[in-house]
PDB file of N, CA and C in Angstrom:
ATOM      1  N   MET A   1     -28.279 -11.516   0.543  1.00  0.00           N
ATOM      2  CA  MET A   1     -26.921 -11.690   1.020  1.00  0.00           C
ATOM      3  C   MET A   1     -26.462 -10.422   1.744  1.00  0.00           C
ATOM      4  N   PRO A   2     -25.730 -10.543   2.861  1.00  0.00           N
ATOM      5  CA  PRO A   2     -25.299  -9.342   3.589  1.00  0.00           C
ATOM      6  C   PRO A   2     -24.208  -8.578   2.838  1.00  0.00           C
ATOM      7  N   LYS A   3     -24.041  -7.321   3.236  1.00  0.00           N
ATOM      8  CA  LYS A   3     -23.008  -6.489   2.625  1.00  0.00           C
ATOM      9  C   LYS A   3     -21.622  -7.017   2.989  1.00  0.00           C
ATOM     10  N   MET A   4     -20.649  -6.749   2.108  1.00  0.00           N
ATOM     11  CA  MET A   4     -19.262  -7.097   2.396  1.00  0.00           C
ATOM     12  C   MET A   4     -18.694  -6.056   3.348  1.00  0.00           C
ATOM     13  N   LYS A   5     -17.971  -6.493   4.361  1.00  0.00           N
ATOM     14  CA  LYS A   5     -17.342  -5.554   5.277  1.00  0.00           C
ATOM     15  C   LYS A   5     -15.963  -5.167   4.749  1.00  0.00           C
ATOM     16  N   THR A   6     -15.600  -3.905   4.924  1.00  0.00           N
ATOM     17  CA  THR A   6     -14.278  -3.424   4.552  1.00  0.00           C
ATOM     18  C   THR A   6     -13.261  -3.996   5.527  1.00  0.00           C
ATOM     19  N   HIS A   7     -12.130  -4.481   5.011  1.00  0.00           N
ATOM     20  CA  HIS A   7     -11.044  -4.956   5.858  1.00  0.00           C
ATOM     21  C   HIS A   7     -10.288  -3.733   6.353  1.00  0.00           C
ATOM     22  N   LYS A   8     -10.456  -3.395   7.634  1.00  0.00           N
ATOM     23  CA  LYS A   8      -9.951  -2.139   8.170  1.00  0.00           C
ATOM     24  C   LYS A   8      -8.425  -2.065   8.172  1.00  0.00           C
ATOM     25  N   GLY A   9      -7.752  -3.189   8.355  1.00  0.00           N
ATOM     26  CA  GLY A   9      -6.287  -3.185   8.305  1.00  0.00           C
ATOM     27  C   GLY A   9      -5.777  -2.781   6.938  1.00  0.00           C
ATOM     28  N   THR A  10      -6.448  -3.252   5.897  1.00  0.00           N
ATOM     29  CA  THR A  10      -6.079  -2.883   4.526  1.00  0.00           C
ATOM     30  C   THR A  10      -6.445  -1.433   4.253  1.00  0.00           C
ATOM     31  N   ALA A  11      -7.596  -1.000   4.728  1.00  0.00           N
ATOM     32  CA  ALA A  11      -8.060   0.363   4.483  1.00  0.00           C
ATOM     33  C   ALA A  11      -7.114   1.403   5.083  1.00  0.00           C
ATOM     34  N   LYS A  12      -6.456   1.074   6.181  1.00  0.00           N
ATOM     35  CA  LYS A  12      -5.523   2.006   6.813  1.00  0.00           C
ATOM     36  C   LYS A  12      -4.200   2.095   6.062  1.00  0.00           C
ATOM     37  N   ARG A  13      -3.874   1.088   5.272  1.00  0.00           N
ATOM     38  CA  ARG A  13      -2.570   1.026   4.605  1.00  0.00           C
ATOM     39  C   ARG A  13      -2.601   1.403   3.130  1.00  0.00           C
ATOM     40  N   ILE A  14      -3.752   1.276   2.506  1.00  0.00           N
ATOM     41  CA  ILE A  14      -3.874   1.502   1.060  1.00  0.00           C
ATOM     42  C   ILE A  14      -4.791   2.691   0.817  1.00  0.00           C
ATOM     43  N   LYS A  15      -4.347   3.625  -0.031  1.00  0.00           N
ATOM     44  CA  LYS A  15      -5.178   4.765  -0.414  1.00  0.00           C
ATOM     45  C   LYS A  15      -5.543   4.619  -1.892  1.00  0.00           C
ATOM     46  N   ILE A  16      -6.706   5.127  -2.251  1.00  0.00           N
ATOM     47  CA  ILE A  16      -7.181   5.062  -3.633  1.00  0.00           C
ATOM     48  C   ILE A  16      -7.036   6.451  -4.252  1.00  0.00           C
ATOM     49  N   THR A  17      -6.382   6.527  -5.411  1.00  0.00           N
ATOM     50  CA  THR A  17      -6.221   7.793  -6.117  1.00  0.00           C
ATOM     51  C   THR A  17      -7.524   8.133  -6.839  1.00  0.00           C
ATOM     52  N   PRO A  18      -7.683   9.383  -7.283  1.00  0.00           N
ATOM     53  CA  PRO A  18      -8.900   9.738  -8.039  1.00  0.00           C
ATOM     54  C   PRO A  18      -9.099   8.906  -9.306  1.00  0.00           C
ATOM     55  N   ASN A  19      -7.998   8.396  -9.870  1.00  0.00           N
ATOM     56  CA  ASN A  19      -8.098   7.568 -11.076  1.00  0.00           C
ATOM     57  C   ASN A  19      -8.367   6.098 -10.774  1.00  0.00           C
ATOM     58  N   GLY A  20      -8.424   5.736  -9.492  1.00  0.00           N
ATOM     59  CA  GLY A  20      -8.727   4.362  -9.116  1.00  0.00           C
ATOM     60  C   GLY A  20      -7.512   3.491  -8.877  1.00  0.00           C
ATOM     61  N   LYS A  21      -6.304   4.089  -8.878  1.00  0.00           N
ATOM     62  CA  LYS A  21      -5.106   3.305  -8.595  1.00  0.00           C
ATOM     63  C   LYS A  21      -4.967   3.121  -7.090  1.00  0.00           C
ATOM     64  N   LEU A  22      -4.277   2.063  -6.682  1.00  0.00           N
ATOM     65  CA  LEU A  22      -4.049   1.782  -5.273  1.00  0.00           C
ATOM     66  C   LEU A  22      -2.623   2.159  -4.920  1.00  0.00           C
ATOM     67  N   VAL A  23      -2.447   2.978  -3.881  1.00  0.00           N
ATOM     68  CA  VAL A  23      -1.133   3.462  -3.483  1.00  0.00           C
ATOM     69  C   VAL A  23      -0.828   2.971  -2.082  1.00  0.00           C
ATOM     70  N   ARG A  24       0.386   2.485  -1.886  1.00  0.00           N
ATOM     71  CA  ARG A  24       0.826   1.989  -0.582  1.00  0.00           C
ATOM     72  C   ARG A  24       2.179   2.594  -0.235  1.00  0.00           C
ATOM     73  N   GLU A  25       2.530   2.523   1.041  1.00  0.00           N
ATOM     74  CA  GLU A  25       3.866   2.939   1.488  1.00  0.00           C
ATOM     75  C   GLU A  25       4.816   1.754   1.371  1.00  0.00           C
ATOM     76  N   ARG A  26       6.094   2.057   1.261  1.00  0.00           N
ATOM     77  CA  ARG A  26       7.099   0.999   1.150  1.00  0.00           C
ATOM     78  C   ARG A  26       7.576   0.555   2.537  1.00  0.00           C
ATOM     79  N   ALA A  27       8.093  -0.655   2.596  1.00  0.00           N
ATOM     80  CA  ALA A  27       8.582  -1.223   3.856  1.00  0.00           C
ATOM     81  C   ALA A  27      10.048  -0.850   4.091  1.00  0.00           C
ATOM     82  N   PHE A  28      10.549  -1.187   5.261  1.00  0.00           N
ATOM     83  CA  PHE A  28      11.967  -1.077   5.663  1.00  0.00           C
ATOM     84  C   PHE A  28      12.429   0.354   5.892  1.00  0.00           C
ATOM     85  N   GLY A  29      11.548   1.282   6.237  1.00  0.00           N
ATOM     86  CA  GLY A  29      11.966   2.667   6.416  1.00  0.00           C
ATOM     87  C   GLY A  29      11.938   3.175   7.837  1.00  0.00           C
ATOM     88  N   ASN A  30      11.805   2.291   8.829  1.00  0.00           N
ATOM     89  CA  ASN A  30      11.606   2.765  10.194  1.00  0.00           C
ATOM     90  C   ASN A  30      12.843   2.738  11.082  1.00  0.00           C
ATOM     91  N   HIS A  31      13.654   1.730  11.005  1.00  0.00           N
ATOM     92  CA  HIS A  31      14.813   1.653  11.891  1.00  0.00           C
ATOM     93  C   HIS A  31      15.944   0.930  11.176  1.00  0.00           C
ATOM     94  N   ILE A  32      17.107   0.907  11.823  1.00  0.00           N
ATOM     95  CA  ILE A  32      18.341   0.370  11.238  1.00  0.00           C
ATOM     96  C   ILE A  32      18.618   1.077   9.898  1.00  0.00           C
ATOM     97  N   LEU A  33      18.603   2.417   9.943  1.00  0.00           N
ATOM     98  CA  LEU A  33      18.767   3.202   8.726  1.00  0.00           C
ATOM     99  C   LEU A  33      20.222   3.566   8.450  1.00  0.00           C
ATOM    100  N   ALA A  34      21.099   3.400   9.439  1.00  0.00           N
ATOM    101  CA  ALA A  34      22.495   3.819   9.265  1.00  0.00           C
ATOM    102  C   ALA A  34      23.200   3.022   8.180  1.00  0.00           C
ATOM    103  N   LYS A  35      22.880   1.753   8.050  1.00  0.00           N
ATOM    104  CA  LYS A  35      23.557   0.918   7.054  1.00  0.00           C
ATOM    105  C   LYS A  35      22.947   1.032   5.653  1.00  0.00           C
ATOM    106  N   LYS A  36      21.818   1.715   5.527  1.00  0.00           N
ATOM    107  CA  LYS A  36      21.161   1.854   4.225  1.00  0.00           C
ATOM    108  C   LYS A  36      21.668   3.118   3.530  1.00  0.00           C
ATOM    109  N   SER A  37      21.862   3.028   2.237  1.00  0.00           N
ATOM    110  CA  SER A  37      22.395   4.164   1.480  1.00  0.00           C
ATOM    111  C   SER A  37      21.343   5.268   1.360  1.00  0.00           C
ATOM    112  N   LYS A  38      21.825   6.485   1.039  1.00  0.00           N
ATOM    113  CA  LYS A  38      20.910   7.622   0.888  1.00  0.00           C
ATOM    114  C   LYS A  38      19.888   7.368  -0.198  1.00  0.00           C
ATOM    115  N   SER A  39      20.345   6.808  -1.308  1.00  0.00           N
ATOM    116  CA  SER A  39      19.429   6.583  -2.426  1.00  0.00           C
ATOM    117  C   SER A  39      18.384   5.535  -2.067  1.00  0.00           C
ATOM    118  N   ARG A  40      18.796   4.521  -1.311  1.00  0.00           N
ATOM    119  CA  ARG A  40      17.853   3.480  -0.886  1.00  0.00           C
ATOM    120  C   ARG A  40      16.794   4.053   0.054  1.00  0.00           C
ATOM    121  N   LYS A  41      17.240   4.894   1.009  1.00  0.00           N
ATOM    122  CA  LYS A  41      16.293   5.508   1.943  1.00  0.00           C
ATOM    123  C   LYS A  41      15.356   6.470   1.225  1.00  0.00           C
ATOM    124  N   ARG A  42      15.863   7.173   0.226  1.00  0.00           N
ATOM    125  CA  ARG A  42      15.048   8.090  -0.554  1.00  0.00           C
ATOM    126  C   ARG A  42      13.979   7.314  -1.332  1.00  0.00           C
ATOM    127  N   ASN A  43      14.350   6.161  -1.871  1.00  0.00           N
ATOM    128  CA  ASN A  43      13.417   5.328  -2.606  1.00  0.00           C
ATOM    129  C   ASN A  43      12.341   4.741  -1.685  1.00  0.00           C
ATOM    130  N   ILE A  44      12.722   4.416  -0.450  1.00  0.00           N
ATOM    131  CA  ILE A  44      11.776   3.861   0.529  1.00  0.00           C
ATOM    132  C   ILE A  44      10.688   4.886   0.868  1.00  0.00           C
ATOM    133  N   LYS A  45      11.042   6.177   0.867  1.00  0.00           N
ATOM    134  CA  LYS A  45      10.077   7.224   1.222  1.00  0.00           C
ATOM    135  C   LYS A  45       8.985   7.419   0.183  1.00  0.00           C
ATOM    136  N   THR A  46       9.256   7.064  -1.078  1.00  0.00           N
ATOM    137  CA  THR A  46       8.282   7.312  -2.139  1.00  0.00           C
ATOM    138  C   THR A  46       7.168   6.271  -2.088  1.00  0.00           C
ATOM    139  N   PRO A  47       5.924   6.670  -2.355  1.00  0.00           N
ATOM    140  CA  PRO A  47       4.833   5.694  -2.367  1.00  0.00           C
ATOM    141  C   PRO A  47       4.922   4.771  -3.583  1.00  0.00           C
ATOM    142  N   ALA A  48       4.320   3.610  -3.475  1.00  0.00           N
ATOM    143  CA  ALA A  48       4.341   2.622  -4.554  1.00  0.00           C
ATOM    144  C   ALA A  48       2.908   2.346  -5.005  1.00  0.00           C
ATOM    145  N   ILE A  49       2.750   2.086  -6.292  1.00  0.00           N
ATOM    146  CA  ILE A  49       1.444   1.739  -6.850  1.00  0.00           C
ATOM    147  C   ILE A  49       1.320   0.223  -6.862  1.00  0.00           C
ATOM    148  N   VAL A  50       0.191  -0.275  -6.372  1.00  0.00           N
ATOM    149  CA  VAL A  50      -0.056  -1.711  -6.310  1.00  0.00           C
ATOM    150  C   VAL A  50      -0.529  -2.178  -7.677  1.00  0.00           C
ATOM    151  N   ASN A  51       0.105  -3.219  -8.222  1.00  0.00           N
ATOM    152  CA  ASN A  51      -0.369  -3.811  -9.460  1.00  0.00           C
ATOM    153  C   ASN A  51      -0.082  -5.303  -9.439  1.00  0.00           C
ATOM    154  N   GLY A  52      -0.545  -5.987 -10.437  1.00  0.00           N
ATOM    155  CA  GLY A  52      -0.403  -7.433 -10.472  1.00  0.00           C
ATOM    156  C   GLY A  52      -1.645  -8.112  -9.919  1.00  0.00           C
ATOM    157  N   LYS A  53      -1.509  -9.397  -9.620  1.00  0.00           N
ATOM    158  CA  LYS A  53      -2.658 -10.189  -9.170  1.00  0.00           C
ATOM    159  C   LYS A  53      -3.188  -9.760  -7.810  1.00  0.00           C
ATOM    160  N   ILE A  54      -2.301  -9.229  -6.952  1.00  0.00           N
ATOM    161  CA  ILE A  54      -2.725  -8.864  -5.599  1.00  0.00           C
ATOM    162  C   ILE A  54      -3.680  -7.665  -5.606  1.00  0.00           C
ATOM    163  N   LYS A  55      -3.668  -6.889  -6.686  1.00  0.00           N
ATOM    164  CA  LYS A  55      -4.540  -5.714  -6.786  1.00  0.00           C
ATOM    165  C   LYS A  55      -6.013  -6.111  -6.654  1.00  0.00           C
ATOM    166  N   GLY A  56      -6.397  -7.213  -7.276  1.00  0.00           N
ATOM    167  CA  GLY A  56      -7.778  -7.685  -7.181  1.00  0.00           C
ATOM    168  C   GLY A  56      -8.149  -8.100  -5.779  1.00  0.00           C
ATOM    169  N   ASN A  57      -7.220  -8.764  -5.091  1.00  0.00           N
ATOM    170  CA  ASN A  57      -7.475  -9.175  -3.706  1.00  0.00           C
ATOM    171  C   ASN A  57      -7.671  -7.965  -2.802  1.00  0.00           C
ATOM    172  N   ILE A  58      -6.857  -6.933  -3.005  1.00  0.00           N
ATOM    173  CA  ILE A  58      -6.950  -5.730  -2.179  1.00  0.00           C
ATOM    174  C   ILE A  58      -8.260  -5.003  -2.459  1.00  0.00           C
ATOM    175  N   LYS A  59      -8.645  -4.917  -3.723  1.00  0.00           N
ATOM    176  CA  LYS A  59      -9.914  -4.259  -4.055  1.00  0.00           C
ATOM    177  C   LYS A  59     -11.091  -4.990  -3.415  1.00  0.00           C
ATOM    178  N   LYS A  60     -11.029  -6.311  -3.393  1.00  0.00           N
ATOM    179  CA  LYS A  60     -12.084  -7.084  -2.751  1.00  0.00           C
ATOM    180  C   LYS A  60     -12.126  -6.824  -1.238  1.00  0.00           C
ATOM    181  N   ALA A  61     -10.935  -6.722  -0.625  1.00  0.00           N
ATOM    182  CA  ALA A  61     -10.857  -6.444   0.811  1.00  0.00           C
ATOM    183  C   ALA A  61     -11.383  -5.065   1.137  1.00  0.00           C
ATOM    184  N   LEU A  62     -11.199  -4.118   0.218  1.00  0.00           N
ATOM    185  CA  LEU A  62     -11.680  -2.753   0.428  1.00  0.00           C
ATOM    186  C   LEU A  62     -13.152  -2.575   0.049  1.00  0.00           C
ATOM    187  N   GLY A  63     -13.714  -3.566  -0.627  1.00  0.00           N
ATOM    188  CA  GLY A  63     -15.105  -3.498  -1.022  1.00  0.00           C
ATOM    189  C   GLY A  63     -15.337  -2.618  -2.236  1.00  0.00           C
ATOM    190  N   ILE A  64     -14.336  -2.549  -3.116  1.00  0.00           N
ATOM    191  CA  ILE A  64     -14.459  -1.728  -4.341  1.00  0.00           C
ATOM    192  C   ILE A  64     -15.008  -2.576  -5.465  1.00  0.00           C
TER     193      ILE A  64
END
């Protein structure tokens, strides 16, 4: 059977920590920022850890 190819779109968006956790950036932080509160914008800047059922799908896409 051939090797699994890494999904490059996923690889550019998700980073793997040394402990094996998946880290992603949050959405909604690029434009129309005037109406968003300071605390909301601050929360958008922080990275998020991927968990739940989608974690397995992402690991498969990354070939882990």
